[in-house]
Amino acid sequence: RHLKNFKKEKVYRDLGDEMTAHAFNGYNVCIFAYGQTGSGKSYTMMGTRSDPGLIPKLCNELFTRITSNAQSVNFSVEVSYMEIYCERVRDLLNPSSANKALRVREHPIMGPYVEGLSKLAVKERLQML
């Protein structure tokens, strides 16, 4: 569903470039969409095959930068996907845990994290999608 006057390209320019730069510089990055059911969160984040959203564009740019700097940069990329719905955290990379709510914890040094959330090590863009 296309939302009137909505431009995913503007969202990428406003958020994606900065988040990609932070990720490429070794920082953890979190992209978070919030809103009512049917408000366009999934469309904004993922888009469609013909009109990609924020996440595919960010993945493309990140791996383009990694590839173009491969001789001078060592890298590791991990990805997690979660959904928070009705105050329950669900691991989207582990469908078998669909009925198990995960707990948000806080590490004294590293900060907040989701206990038991899957992390997938990826070596190429398509593994992130």
N, C-alpha and C. Protein backbone atom coordinates (compact mmCIF):
# COMPACT_ATOMS: atom_id res chain seq x y z
N ARG A 1 0.85 -1.17 0.00
CA ARG A 1 0.00 0.00 0.00
C ARG A 1 0.89 1.24 0.00
N HIS A 2 0.65 2.11 -0.92
CA HIS A 2 1.44 3.34 -1.00
C HIS A 2 0.73 4.46 -0.27
N LEU A 3 1.44 5.10 0.62
CA LEU A 3 0.87 6.19 1.40
C LEU A 3 1.04 7.50 0.65
N LYS A 4 0.01 8.30 0.65
CA LYS A 4 0.03 9.57 -0.06
C LYS A 4 1.16 10.46 0.48
N ASN A 5 1.90 11.05 -0.42
CA ASN A 5 2.98 11.98 -0.09
C ASN A 5 4.11 11.37 0.75
N PHE A 6 4.24 10.06 0.72
CA PHE A 6 5.28 9.39 1.51
C PHE A 6 6.46 9.08 0.61
N LYS A 7 7.64 9.43 1.05
CA LYS A 7 8.85 9.22 0.26
C LYS A 7 9.87 8.43 1.07
N LYS A 8 10.02 7.14 0.74
CA LYS A 8 11.02 6.33 1.44
C LYS A 8 12.42 6.86 1.18
N GLU A 9 12.63 7.48 0.03
CA GLU A 9 13.94 8.02 -0.30
C GLU A 9 14.32 9.13 0.69
N LYS A 10 13.37 9.94 1.09
CA LYS A 10 13.64 10.98 2.08
C LYS A 10 13.98 10.36 3.44
N VAL A 11 13.27 9.30 3.81
CA VAL A 11 13.58 8.61 5.07
C VAL A 11 15.02 8.09 5.02
N TYR A 12 15.42 7.51 3.87
CA TYR A 12 16.78 7.01 3.75
C TYR A 12 17.79 8.16 3.86
N ARG A 13 17.53 9.25 3.16
CA ARG A 13 18.46 10.40 3.24
C ARG A 13 18.56 10.93 4.67
N ASP A 14 17.41 10.98 5.36
CA ASP A 14 17.40 11.52 6.72
C ASP A 14 18.04 10.58 7.75
N LEU A 15 17.88 9.28 7.57
CA LEU A 15 18.36 8.31 8.56
C LEU A 15 19.43 7.36 8.04
N GLY A 16 19.21 6.85 6.85
CA GLY A 16 20.04 5.77 6.33
C GLY A 16 21.50 6.12 6.14
N ASP A 17 21.77 7.29 5.56
CA ASP A 17 23.16 7.68 5.33
C ASP A 17 23.94 7.75 6.65
N GLU A 18 23.33 8.36 7.66
CA GLU A 18 24.00 8.50 8.95
C GLU A 18 24.18 7.14 9.63
N MET A 19 23.16 6.30 9.60
CA MET A 19 23.26 4.98 10.23
C MET A 19 24.29 4.11 9.53
N THR A 20 24.35 4.19 8.20
CA THR A 20 25.35 3.44 7.45
C THR A 20 26.75 3.89 7.83
N ALA A 21 26.94 5.20 7.94
CA ALA A 21 28.26 5.73 8.32
C ALA A 21 28.65 5.23 9.71
N HIS A 22 27.72 5.26 10.65
CA HIS A 22 28.02 4.78 12.01
C HIS A 22 28.37 3.28 11.99
N ALA A 23 27.58 2.49 11.27
CA ALA A 23 27.84 1.05 11.19
C ALA A 23 29.21 0.79 10.57
N PHE A 24 29.53 1.52 9.51
CA PHE A 24 30.81 1.32 8.83
C PHE A 24 31.97 1.72 9.74
N ASN A 25 31.71 2.64 10.65
CA ASN A 25 32.76 3.07 11.59
C ASN A 25 32.81 2.21 12.85
N GLY A 26 32.07 1.09 12.85
CA GLY A 26 32.19 0.12 13.93
C GLY A 26 31.19 0.24 15.06
N TYR A 27 30.20 1.09 14.91
CA TYR A 27 29.20 1.25 15.96
C TYR A 27 28.00 0.35 15.71
N ASN A 28 27.36 -0.08 16.80
CA ASN A 28 26.09 -0.79 16.68
C ASN A 28 25.04 0.20 16.22
N VAL A 29 24.14 -0.26 15.37
CA VAL A 29 23.08 0.60 14.84
C VAL A 29 21.75 -0.08 15.07
N CYS A 30 20.78 0.70 15.50
CA CYS A 30 19.42 0.20 15.69
C CYS A 30 18.47 1.07 14.87
N ILE A 31 17.69 0.44 14.02
CA ILE A 31 16.65 1.14 13.27
C ILE A 31 15.33 0.65 13.85
N PHE A 32 14.50 1.55 14.32
CA PHE A 32 13.30 1.20 15.07
C PHE A 32 12.10 1.90 14.45
N ALA A 33 11.08 1.15 14.08
CA ALA A 33 9.85 1.74 13.56
C ALA A 33 8.75 1.58 14.60
N TYR A 34 7.99 2.63 14.80
CA TYR A 34 6.94 2.62 15.82
C TYR A 34 5.65 3.18 15.22
N GLY A 35 4.55 2.54 15.52
CA GLY A 35 3.27 3.07 15.06
C GLY A 35 2.17 2.04 15.13
N GLN A 36 0.98 2.48 14.81
CA GLN A 36 -0.19 1.61 14.83
C GLN A 36 -0.09 0.54 13.76
N THR A 37 -0.83 -0.55 13.96
CA THR A 37 -0.95 -1.57 12.94
C THR A 37 -1.51 -0.92 11.68
N GLY A 38 -0.88 -1.20 10.54
CA GLY A 38 -1.34 -0.66 9.27
C GLY A 38 -0.85 0.74 8.95
N SER A 39 0.07 1.26 9.77
CA SER A 39 0.53 2.64 9.55
C SER A 39 1.69 2.75 8.56
N GLY A 40 2.25 1.62 8.10
CA GLY A 40 3.31 1.67 7.10
C GLY A 40 4.70 1.35 7.62
N LYS A 41 4.82 0.79 8.80
CA LYS A 41 6.14 0.48 9.36
C LYS A 41 6.91 -0.52 8.50
N SER A 42 6.27 -1.63 8.17
CA SER A 42 6.94 -2.67 7.37
C SER A 42 7.27 -2.14 5.98
N TYR A 43 6.36 -1.37 5.41
CA TYR A 43 6.60 -0.78 4.09
C TYR A 43 7.80 0.17 4.14
N THR A 44 7.87 0.99 5.17
CA THR A 44 8.98 1.92 5.31
C THR A 44 10.29 1.17 5.51
N MET A 45 10.28 0.16 6.33
CA MET A 45 11.51 -0.57 6.65
C MET A 45 11.97 -1.46 5.50
N MET A 46 11.04 -2.24 4.92
CA MET A 46 11.43 -3.23 3.92
C MET A 46 11.06 -2.85 2.49
N GLY A 47 9.96 -2.13 2.31
CA GLY A 47 9.53 -1.77 0.96
C GLY A 47 9.06 -2.97 0.19
N THR A 48 9.25 -2.91 -1.13
CA THR A 48 8.89 -4.00 -2.03
C THR A 48 10.11 -4.31 -2.89
N ARG A 49 10.02 -5.37 -3.69
CA ARG A 49 11.14 -5.70 -4.60
C ARG A 49 11.44 -4.54 -5.55
N SER A 50 10.39 -3.93 -6.08
CA SER A 50 10.58 -2.86 -7.06
C SER A 50 10.83 -1.50 -6.40
N ASP A 51 10.54 -1.38 -5.12
CA ASP A 51 10.69 -0.11 -4.41
C ASP A 51 11.19 -0.39 -2.99
N PRO A 52 12.51 -0.68 -2.86
CA PRO A 52 13.05 -1.11 -1.57
C PRO A 52 12.93 -0.04 -0.49
N GLY A 53 12.83 -0.50 0.75
CA GLY A 53 12.73 0.39 1.89
C GLY A 53 14.08 0.68 2.52
N LEU A 54 14.03 1.20 3.73
CA LEU A 54 15.21 1.65 4.45
C LEU A 54 16.23 0.53 4.68
N ILE A 55 15.80 -0.63 5.14
CA ILE A 55 16.73 -1.71 5.47
C ILE A 55 17.47 -2.23 4.23
N PRO A 56 16.79 -2.57 3.13
CA PRO A 56 17.55 -3.01 1.95
C PRO A 56 18.52 -1.96 1.43
N LYS A 57 18.13 -0.69 1.47
CA LYS A 57 19.03 0.37 1.00
C LYS A 57 20.25 0.49 1.91
N LEU A 58 20.02 0.42 3.21
CA LEU A 58 21.12 0.49 4.16
C LEU A 58 22.08 -0.69 3.97
N CYS A 59 21.52 -1.88 3.79
CA CYS A 59 22.35 -3.08 3.57
C CYS A 59 23.17 -2.94 2.29
N ASN A 60 22.54 -2.46 1.22
CA ASN A 60 23.26 -2.26 -0.04
C ASN A 60 24.43 -1.31 0.15
N GLU A 61 24.18 -0.17 0.78
CA GLU A 61 25.23 0.82 0.97
C GLU A 61 26.34 0.31 1.88
N LEU A 62 25.98 -0.36 2.95
CA LEU A 62 26.98 -0.89 3.88
C LEU A 62 27.91 -1.87 3.17
N PHE A 63 27.34 -2.82 2.42
CA PHE A 63 28.18 -3.81 1.76
C PHE A 63 28.90 -3.24 0.54
N THR A 64 28.37 -2.20 -0.07
CA THR A 64 29.11 -1.50 -1.13
C THR A 64 30.36 -0.87 -0.54
N ARG A 65 30.22 -0.22 0.61
CA ARG A 65 31.38 0.39 1.27
C ARG A 65 32.39 -0.67 1.72
N ILE A 66 31.89 -1.75 2.27
CA ILE A 66 32.79 -2.83 2.71
C ILE A 66 33.57 -3.38 1.52
N THR A 67 32.88 -3.65 0.42
CA THR A 67 33.53 -4.20 -0.77
C THR A 67 34.57 -3.24 -1.33
N SER A 68 34.24 -1.95 -1.38
CA SER A 68 35.18 -0.99 -1.96
C SER A 68 36.38 -0.72 -1.04
N ASN A 69 36.28 -1.11 0.22
CA ASN A 69 37.39 -0.93 1.16
C ASN A 69 37.95 -2.26 1.67
N ALA A 70 37.66 -3.34 0.95
CA ALA A 70 37.98 -4.70 1.43
C ALA A 70 39.46 -4.90 1.72
N GLN A 71 40.33 -4.22 1.00
CA GLN A 71 41.76 -4.44 1.21
C GLN A 71 42.27 -3.73 2.46
N SER A 72 41.55 -2.72 2.94
CA SER A 72 42.04 -1.97 4.10
C SER A 72 41.16 -2.12 5.34
N VAL A 73 40.06 -2.87 5.24
CA VAL A 73 39.11 -2.97 6.35
C VAL A 73 38.80 -4.42 6.67
N ASN A 74 38.91 -4.79 7.94
CA ASN A 74 38.38 -6.07 8.41
C ASN A 74 37.00 -5.79 8.96
N PHE A 75 36.06 -6.66 8.69
CA PHE A 75 34.71 -6.38 9.14
C PHE A 75 34.01 -7.65 9.60
N SER A 76 33.05 -7.46 10.48
CA SER A 76 32.09 -8.50 10.81
C SER A 76 30.75 -7.79 10.96
N VAL A 77 29.73 -8.40 10.43
CA VAL A 77 28.39 -7.82 10.46
C VAL A 77 27.45 -8.85 11.07
N GLU A 78 26.69 -8.43 12.05
CA GLU A 78 25.66 -9.27 12.66
C GLU A 78 24.34 -8.53 12.57
N VAL A 79 23.27 -9.30 12.42
CA VAL A 79 21.95 -8.68 12.32
C VAL A 79 20.98 -9.42 13.24
N SER A 80 20.07 -8.66 13.83
CA SER A 80 18.96 -9.20 14.62
C SER A 80 17.70 -8.48 14.16
N TYR A 81 16.59 -9.19 14.17
CA TYR A 81 15.30 -8.57 13.87
C TYR A 81 14.34 -8.97 14.97
N MET A 82 13.66 -7.97 15.53
CA MET A 82 12.67 -8.27 16.57
C MET A 82 11.43 -7.43 16.35
N GLU A 83 10.36 -7.90 16.94
CA GLU A 83 9.09 -7.17 16.92
C GLU A 83 8.65 -6.98 18.36
N ILE A 84 8.18 -5.79 18.66
CA ILE A 84 7.57 -5.53 19.96
C ILE A 84 6.10 -5.24 19.69
N TYR A 85 5.24 -6.10 20.19
CA TYR A 85 3.80 -5.96 19.96
C TYR A 85 3.08 -6.28 21.26
N CYS A 86 2.22 -5.40 21.70
CA CYS A 86 1.51 -5.57 22.98
C CYS A 86 2.50 -5.85 24.12
N GLU A 87 3.60 -5.11 24.12
CA GLU A 87 4.63 -5.19 25.15
C GLU A 87 5.33 -6.54 25.23
N ARG A 88 5.26 -7.32 24.16
CA ARG A 88 5.98 -8.60 24.08
C ARG A 88 7.04 -8.49 22.99
N VAL A 89 8.25 -8.92 23.30
CA VAL A 89 9.37 -8.90 22.35
C VAL A 89 9.47 -10.27 21.71
N ARG A 90 9.47 -10.29 20.38
CA ARG A 90 9.51 -11.56 19.64
C ARG A 90 10.70 -11.55 18.68
N ASP A 91 11.42 -12.66 18.62
CA ASP A 91 12.59 -12.83 17.76
C ASP A 91 12.12 -13.21 16.36
N LEU A 92 12.31 -12.32 15.39
CA LEU A 92 11.85 -12.59 14.02
C LEU A 92 12.78 -13.51 13.24
N LEU A 93 13.99 -13.76 13.75
CA LEU A 93 14.91 -14.69 13.10
C LEU A 93 14.73 -16.12 13.61
N ASN A 94 13.93 -16.31 14.63
CA ASN A 94 13.71 -17.63 15.20
C ASN A 94 12.21 -17.89 15.34
N PRO A 95 11.58 -18.33 14.24
CA PRO A 95 10.13 -18.55 14.27
C PRO A 95 9.68 -19.54 15.34
N SER A 96 10.55 -20.47 15.73
CA SER A 96 10.15 -21.46 16.74
C SER A 96 9.95 -20.82 18.12
N SER A 97 10.42 -19.60 18.29
CA SER A 97 10.24 -18.91 19.57
C SER A 97 9.04 -17.96 19.54
N ALA A 98 8.15 -18.14 18.57
CA ALA A 98 7.03 -17.21 18.39
C ALA A 98 6.17 -17.05 19.63
N ASN A 99 6.01 -18.10 20.40
CA ASN A 99 5.16 -18.03 21.59
C ASN A 99 5.92 -17.65 22.86
N LYS A 100 7.21 -17.41 22.72
CA LYS A 100 8.04 -17.09 23.88
C LYS A 100 8.44 -15.61 23.83
N ALA A 101 7.98 -14.85 24.80
CA ALA A 101 8.36 -13.44 24.88
C ALA A 101 9.78 -13.34 25.44
N LEU A 102 10.59 -12.52 24.82
CA LEU A 102 11.95 -12.30 25.29
C LEU A 102 11.97 -11.14 26.28
N ARG A 103 12.99 -11.12 27.11
CA ARG A 103 13.08 -10.09 28.14
C ARG A 103 14.13 -9.05 27.80
N VAL A 104 13.80 -7.80 28.03
CA VAL A 104 14.76 -6.71 27.87
C VAL A 104 15.52 -6.58 29.18
N ARG A 105 16.84 -6.57 29.06
CA ARG A 105 17.72 -6.46 30.23
C ARG A 105 18.64 -5.26 30.04
N GLU A 106 19.38 -4.94 31.08
CA GLU A 106 20.38 -3.87 30.95
C GLU A 106 21.69 -4.34 31.54
N HIS A 107 22.72 -4.30 30.70
CA HIS A 107 24.08 -4.64 31.12
C HIS A 107 24.69 -3.36 31.69
N PRO A 108 25.43 -3.45 32.81
CA PRO A 108 25.96 -2.23 33.44
C PRO A 108 26.93 -1.44 32.55
N ILE A 109 27.58 -2.10 31.61
CA ILE A 109 28.54 -1.41 30.75
C ILE A 109 27.99 -1.26 29.33
N MET A 110 27.45 -2.33 28.78
CA MET A 110 27.00 -2.33 27.38
C MET A 110 25.62 -1.70 27.17
N GLY A 111 24.84 -1.58 28.22
CA GLY A 111 23.52 -0.97 28.11
C GLY A 111 22.43 -1.99 27.85
N PRO A 112 21.28 -1.54 27.33
CA PRO A 112 20.13 -2.43 27.15
C PRO A 112 20.38 -3.48 26.06
N TYR A 113 19.79 -4.65 26.27
CA TYR A 113 19.84 -5.72 25.28
C TYR A 113 18.62 -6.62 25.49
N VAL A 114 18.35 -7.46 24.49
CA VAL A 114 17.24 -8.41 24.58
C VAL A 114 17.84 -9.79 24.83
N GLU A 115 17.54 -10.34 25.97
CA GLU A 115 18.07 -11.64 26.37
C GLU A 115 17.54 -12.73 25.44
N GLY A 116 18.45 -13.50 24.84
CA GLY A 116 18.06 -14.61 23.98
C GLY A 116 17.75 -14.23 22.54
N LEU A 117 17.92 -12.97 22.17
CA LEU A 117 17.64 -12.55 20.79
C LEU A 117 18.70 -13.11 19.85
N SER A 118 18.26 -13.70 18.75
CA SER A 118 19.19 -14.28 17.77
C SER A 118 20.04 -13.20 17.11
N LYS A 119 21.30 -13.54 16.86
CA LYS A 119 22.20 -12.70 16.07
C LYS A 119 22.70 -13.56 14.93
N LEU A 120 22.56 -13.08 13.73
CA LEU A 120 23.00 -13.81 12.55
C LEU A 120 24.22 -13.11 11.97
N ALA A 121 25.35 -13.83 11.92
CA ALA A 121 26.55 -13.28 11.29
C ALA A 121 26.35 -13.35 9.78
N VAL A 122 26.59 -12.24 9.10
CA VAL A 122 26.37 -12.19 7.65
C VAL A 122 27.63 -11.73 6.93
N LYS A 123 27.81 -12.27 5.74
CA LYS A 123 28.97 -11.91 4.91
C LYS A 123 28.57 -11.19 3.63
N GLU A 124 27.27 -11.17 3.34
CA GLU A 124 26.81 -10.47 2.13
C GLU A 124 25.41 -9.91 2.36
N ARG A 125 25.08 -8.94 1.56
CA ARG A 125 23.84 -8.19 1.69
C ARG A 125 22.59 -9.06 1.73
N LEU A 126 22.50 -10.03 0.84
CA LEU A 126 21.28 -10.83 0.74
C LEU A 126 21.00 -11.64 2.00
N GLN A 127 22.02 -11.95 2.78
CA GLN A 127 21.82 -12.68 4.04
C GLN A 127 21.09 -11.82 5.06
N MET A 128 21.12 -10.52 4.91
CA MET A 128 20.47 -9.62 5.87
C MET A 128 18.99 -9.45 5.58
N LEU A 129 18.59 -9.81 4.39
CA LEU A 129 17.20 -9.58 4.01
C LEU A 129 16.47 -10.88 4.06
